[in-house]
Each structure stands twice: as C-alpha cells, then as structure tokens.
Amino acid sequence: MKRNHYHKRANRKYDRRLAAAFIGAALLSTASFSPVASAAVPDLPTKPAVSSTKPLSPLNKNVDRTRSAKSIADQVKLDKETANAPIKTSYTAKKAVKQQNQSKAAANKNQESSNQAAPKAKEIINVTATAYAPGAHDNGKWGNKTHLGTQVRPGVIAVDPNVIPLGSSVYIEFPNGQGMHAIAEDTGGAIKGNRIDIAKWSVSEAEDFGIQTAKVHILSRGNA
C-alpha cells in the first residue's frame, strides 16, 4: 500500500513539471512574436546612400573654368563693341563730311576770293561772264564732260578758243573786287568773242550768278 502511494505522488510531481515545461515554452513562443519584443530589438544601421553623380576630375574642372573664362571674355568684348558702335558710326560720318569738305575746298581753290590782288598778267580782256552746271540741262549731250574730256567743275571756264586758247590759266576779276583762278577747258555754241561761261556745281548756283562783267587776266596761254 505504501509503495502504491509513493508511485501516485511521483506521477503527480512529474505531471506538474511537464505542465510547467509546456507553459514556459508557450510563454517563450508568445514573447518572440510580441510587438513589445519586436520594439525592443534595436534598428540596424542603414548604409548611407551613394550619390550617382560622378565627381569631376581635375582635368574636367580646368576645362569648365576655361570655358567660363572664355564666355566672360566674349561677353566683355561684345559689350565694348556695342558701347563703341555709336562712336565708330559718328567718327565715320564726321570723316566722310571732312573728306567731302576737303574735296570741295580743293575744287574751289581757284574760285572767288575777297580783296585778292590780281596777279601780273600777260594780257587782260574785258568779257561778259555767265555760268553753267554739269549735266544735260546746261551742257547738253556733253553731260559732265568738258571739250577737253575733263570733269565740269568749279574752276573751269568755257571760252572762245580764238580769244582765249584752251588750256590757258586765267584770273577772273569782278567789279566788286573779288576774283577767282580758272582753267580754260571747255567751249560752247553761244560762247563767242569776249564771253566766258563759268562752271558751277549746280544749276541753281549758275542761275544765281546771272550775267556779270569781268576782266580776264591771262596768266599763261594754253596750246590745247
């Protein structure tokens, strides 16, 4: 009887231990899947993101700097050219006007001059003077050319070659004391005897001259 009683107590003790083992295993399983347990696990360190942009090599950096410097230099040059454009235009216009004035001054070298004493002449002829201009209006089919083929211009006169030979150098003295040098290079159908026709730049200048009396001082006789 005592032995049976001992075996019953041993079986109960074993059942308790087995139940405790099952409960412990259940608790461990629950803890491994619990949110609290998951929260207790520290986050693993993440690997820093690597930039996909490749850094420039020293050579590429030098190329970029060279391009930037060239762009700046080109812009500065463009700005200077733009700023100087009005100056260049103004200078060109002034230069053109100056050249035109010089040409007129050279052409008018033999024209009227105030209070100039008449040079010593080989011969003096009293004449009636009129004026004309280049072009068909005054010079007909001859246009801008003289009888000698030169340009009709101030400083040229048309003469009667029987009175004043072509190519002669003369000084024309007007009653008001003014005078001008001229070369006999042209002739005209109405220019006969003691009459001369003085070339002007325009028809209006020729008309303003009208008809005047003058003295022609022949400085040298031509042989054209």
Protein backbone atom coordinates (compact mmCIF):
# COMPACT_ATOMS: atom_id res chain seq x y z
CA MET A 1 0.00 0.00 0.00
CA LYS A 2 2.83 2.37 0.87
CA ARG A 3 4.55 1.63 -2.41
CA ASN A 4 1.46 2.43 -4.47
CA HIS A 5 1.01 5.64 -2.56
CA TYR A 6 4.62 6.60 -3.38
CA HIS A 7 4.12 5.95 -7.10
CA LYS A 8 0.99 8.15 -7.20
CA ARG A 9 2.88 11.07 -5.62
CA ALA A 10 5.73 10.64 -8.10
CA ASN A 11 3.33 10.69 -11.05
CA ARG A 12 1.68 13.90 -9.80
CA LYS A 13 5.04 15.59 -9.38
CA TYR A 14 6.03 14.55 -12.89
CA ASP A 15 2.74 15.88 -14.33
CA ARG A 16 3.33 19.24 -12.64
CA ARG A 17 6.84 19.55 -14.11
CA LEU A 18 5.60 18.58 -17.56
CA ALA A 19 2.82 21.18 -17.40
CA ALA A 20 5.31 23.84 -16.26
CA ALA A 21 7.56 22.99 -19.20
CA PHE A 22 4.67 23.39 -21.65
CA ILE A 23 3.66 26.71 -20.12
CA GLY A 24 7.24 28.00 -20.30
CA ALA A 25 7.55 27.00 -23.92
CA ALA A 26 4.27 28.75 -24.70
CA LEU A 27 5.41 31.94 -22.97
CA LEU A 28 8.71 31.99 -24.90
CA SER A 29 6.89 31.50 -28.21
CA THR A 30 4.46 34.34 -27.44
CA ALA A 31 7.28 36.69 -26.43
CA SER A 32 9.25 36.15 -29.69
CA PHE A 33 6.27 37.30 -31.79
CA SER A 34 5.06 40.08 -29.50
CA PRO A 35 5.18 43.79 -30.72
CA VAL A 36 6.81 44.71 -27.46
CA ALA A 37 9.59 42.26 -28.09
CA SER A 38 9.99 43.48 -31.65
CA ALA A 39 10.21 47.06 -30.40
CA ALA A 40 12.94 46.06 -28.02
CA VAL A 41 15.13 44.90 -30.89
CA PRO A 42 17.41 47.85 -31.90
CA ASP A 43 17.29 49.12 -35.52
CA LEU A 44 20.16 48.00 -37.66
CA PRO A 45 22.33 50.83 -39.02
CA THR A 46 21.47 51.70 -42.62
CA LYS A 47 24.14 52.16 -45.27
CA PRO A 48 24.41 55.77 -46.42
CA ALA A 49 23.15 56.48 -49.93
CA VAL A 50 25.82 56.79 -52.53
CA SER A 51 25.44 59.71 -54.97
CA SER A 52 25.10 58.66 -58.58
CA THR A 53 26.86 61.83 -59.76
CA LYS A 54 30.46 61.18 -60.52
CA PRO A 55 32.77 63.90 -59.18
CA LEU A 56 34.60 65.96 -61.79
CA SER A 57 38.20 65.10 -62.36
CA PRO A 58 40.79 67.93 -62.14
CA LEU A 59 41.01 67.95 -65.94
CA ASN A 60 37.25 68.42 -66.30
CA LYS A 61 37.30 71.20 -63.73
CA ASN A 62 40.03 73.02 -65.67
CA VAL A 63 38.03 72.66 -68.88
CA ASP A 64 34.93 74.12 -67.19
CA ARG A 65 36.95 77.02 -65.80
CA THR A 66 38.44 77.70 -69.26
CA ARG A 67 35.00 77.69 -70.86
CA SER A 68 33.62 80.06 -68.20
CA ALA A 69 36.55 82.46 -68.63
CA LYS A 70 36.13 82.42 -72.42
CA SER A 71 32.39 83.12 -72.10
CA ILE A 72 33.07 86.08 -69.81
CA ALA A 73 35.76 87.44 -72.16
CA ASP A 74 33.42 87.12 -75.16
CA GLN A 75 30.66 88.96 -73.29
CA VAL A 76 33.03 91.77 -72.27
CA LYS A 77 34.21 92.11 -75.88
CA LEU A 78 30.61 92.23 -77.12
CA ASP A 79 29.72 94.88 -74.53
CA LYS A 80 32.69 97.02 -75.61
CA GLU A 81 31.79 96.71 -79.28
CA THR A 82 28.17 97.62 -78.54
CA ALA A 83 29.24 100.61 -76.46
CA ASN A 84 31.69 101.80 -79.13
CA ALA A 85 29.28 101.33 -82.05
CA PRO A 86 27.77 104.85 -81.85
CA ILE A 87 31.27 106.32 -81.51
CA LYS A 88 32.50 104.46 -84.60
CA THR A 89 29.42 105.49 -86.57
CA SER A 90 29.83 109.11 -85.52
CA TYR A 91 33.53 109.05 -86.38
CA THR A 92 32.82 107.55 -89.82
CA ALA A 93 30.17 110.18 -90.55
CA LYS A 94 32.49 113.01 -89.46
CA LYS A 95 35.30 111.57 -91.57
CA ALA A 96 33.04 111.40 -94.64
CA VAL A 97 31.94 115.02 -94.12
CA LYS A 98 35.56 116.09 -93.67
CA GLN A 99 36.63 114.36 -96.89
CA GLN A 100 33.73 115.94 -98.76
CA ASN A 101 34.67 119.38 -97.46
CA GLN A 102 38.30 118.81 -98.44
CA SER A 103 37.24 117.81 -101.96
CA LYS A 104 35.11 120.92 -102.30
CA ALA A 105 37.91 123.07 -100.91
CA ALA A 106 40.33 121.63 -103.48
CA ALA A 107 37.81 122.18 -106.28
CA ASN A 108 37.12 125.70 -105.07
CA LYS A 109 40.79 126.58 -104.78
CA ASN A 110 40.53 128.61 -107.94
CA GLN A 111 37.18 130.16 -107.08
CA GLU A 112 36.34 133.64 -105.86
CA SER A 113 38.44 135.21 -103.10
CA SER A 114 37.74 138.54 -101.42
CA ASN A 115 40.06 141.52 -101.81
CA GLN A 116 42.72 139.49 -103.60
CA ALA A 117 45.03 141.50 -105.81
CA ALA A 118 45.02 140.46 -109.45
CA PRO A 119 48.24 138.64 -110.40
CA LYS A 120 50.52 140.02 -113.05
CA ALA A 121 49.06 139.02 -116.42
CA LYS A 122 50.38 138.83 -119.94
CA GLU A 123 47.07 140.09 -121.27
CA ILE A 124 43.80 141.47 -119.84
CA ILE A 125 40.49 141.08 -121.66
CA ASN A 126 37.13 142.62 -120.76
CA VAL A 127 34.43 139.97 -121.01
CA THR A 128 30.80 139.19 -120.28
CA ALA A 129 30.56 136.25 -117.86
CA THR A 130 27.74 133.76 -117.36
CA ALA A 131 27.67 130.42 -115.52
CA TYR A 132 26.64 126.81 -116.20
CA ALA A 133 26.48 123.43 -114.41
CA PRO A 134 27.33 119.83 -115.38
CA GLY A 135 24.54 117.72 -116.87
CA ALA A 136 22.18 117.80 -119.82
CA HIS A 137 20.29 120.85 -118.52
CA ASP A 138 23.22 123.22 -119.20
CA ASN A 139 25.75 121.11 -121.08
CA GLY A 140 23.54 119.19 -123.49
CA LYS A 141 24.96 115.98 -124.94
CA TRP A 142 28.30 116.63 -123.27
CA GLY A 143 26.78 116.00 -119.83
CA ASN A 144 29.50 116.20 -117.18
CA LYS A 145 32.44 116.43 -119.59
CA THR A 146 34.30 119.44 -120.97
CA HIS A 147 35.59 119.88 -124.51
CA LEU A 148 38.94 118.50 -123.33
CA GLY A 149 37.24 115.47 -121.73
CA THR A 150 37.74 116.61 -118.14
CA GLN A 151 35.06 116.92 -115.44
CA VAL A 152 32.86 120.03 -115.46
CA ARG A 153 33.57 121.56 -112.04
CA PRO A 154 34.19 124.89 -110.33
CA GLY A 155 37.50 126.32 -111.56
CA VAL A 156 36.72 125.52 -115.20
CA ILE A 157 35.54 128.04 -117.79
CA ALA A 158 34.23 127.74 -121.33
CA VAL A 159 35.83 130.15 -123.80
CA ASP A 160 36.13 131.03 -127.44
CA PRO A 161 39.46 129.39 -128.35
CA ASN A 162 40.11 132.18 -130.88
CA VAL A 163 40.20 134.68 -127.99
CA ILE A 164 41.43 132.59 -125.05
CA PRO A 165 43.24 129.38 -126.08
CA LEU A 166 42.14 126.15 -124.45
CA GLY A 167 44.41 125.16 -121.59
CA SER A 168 45.08 128.78 -120.63
CA SER A 169 45.39 129.70 -116.96
CA VAL A 170 43.47 132.85 -116.10
CA TYR A 171 42.41 135.04 -113.22
CA ILE A 172 38.90 136.48 -113.42
CA GLU A 173 38.40 139.83 -111.68
CA PHE A 174 34.85 141.03 -110.86
CA PRO A 175 33.74 144.65 -110.33
CA ASN A 176 33.23 144.12 -106.57
CA GLY A 177 36.95 143.35 -106.13
CA GLN A 178 36.54 139.59 -105.82
CA GLY A 179 38.29 137.22 -108.16
CA MET A 180 38.99 133.59 -108.98
CA HIS A 181 41.52 131.45 -110.79
CA ALA A 182 40.33 129.18 -113.60
CA ILE A 183 41.48 126.99 -116.48
CA ALA A 184 40.03 127.23 -119.98
CA GLU A 185 38.94 123.63 -120.67
CA ASP A 186 35.54 123.98 -122.33
CA THR A 187 33.78 125.65 -125.25
CA GLY A 188 30.16 126.41 -126.06
CA GLY A 189 27.98 127.21 -129.06
CA ALA A 190 26.96 130.56 -127.56
CA ILE A 191 30.41 131.38 -126.19
CA LYS A 192 31.85 133.57 -128.94
CA GLY A 193 34.23 136.52 -128.79
CA ASN A 194 34.79 138.17 -125.41
CA ARG A 195 32.48 135.94 -123.47
CA ILE A 196 33.14 133.22 -120.91
CA ASP A 197 30.97 130.63 -119.13
CA ILE A 198 31.99 129.77 -115.54
CA ALA A 199 31.32 126.24 -114.28
CA LYS A 200 29.38 125.77 -111.02
CA TRP A 201 28.31 122.68 -109.05
CA SER A 202 24.57 123.07 -109.62
CA VAL A 203 22.02 124.71 -111.91
CA SER A 204 20.75 126.86 -109.07
CA GLU A 205 24.25 128.24 -108.44
CA ALA A 206 24.60 129.01 -112.13
CA GLU A 207 21.26 130.81 -112.22
CA ASP A 208 22.16 132.81 -109.10
CA PHE A 209 25.35 134.00 -110.80
CA GLY A 210 23.38 135.58 -113.65
CA ILE A 211 25.28 137.81 -116.09
CA GLN A 212 28.23 139.88 -114.94
CA THR A 213 31.02 141.89 -116.48
CA ALA A 214 34.58 140.88 -115.63
CA LYS A 215 38.24 141.21 -116.58
CA VAL A 216 40.11 138.10 -117.59
CA HIS A 217 43.82 138.19 -116.74
CA ILE A 218 45.57 135.66 -118.95
CA LEU A 219 48.41 134.28 -116.82
CA SER A 220 49.63 131.67 -119.29
CA ARG A 221 48.35 130.86 -122.75
CA GLY A 222 47.43 127.29 -123.49
CA ASN A 223 48.03 125.34 -126.66
CA ALA A 224 45.35 122.65 -126.35
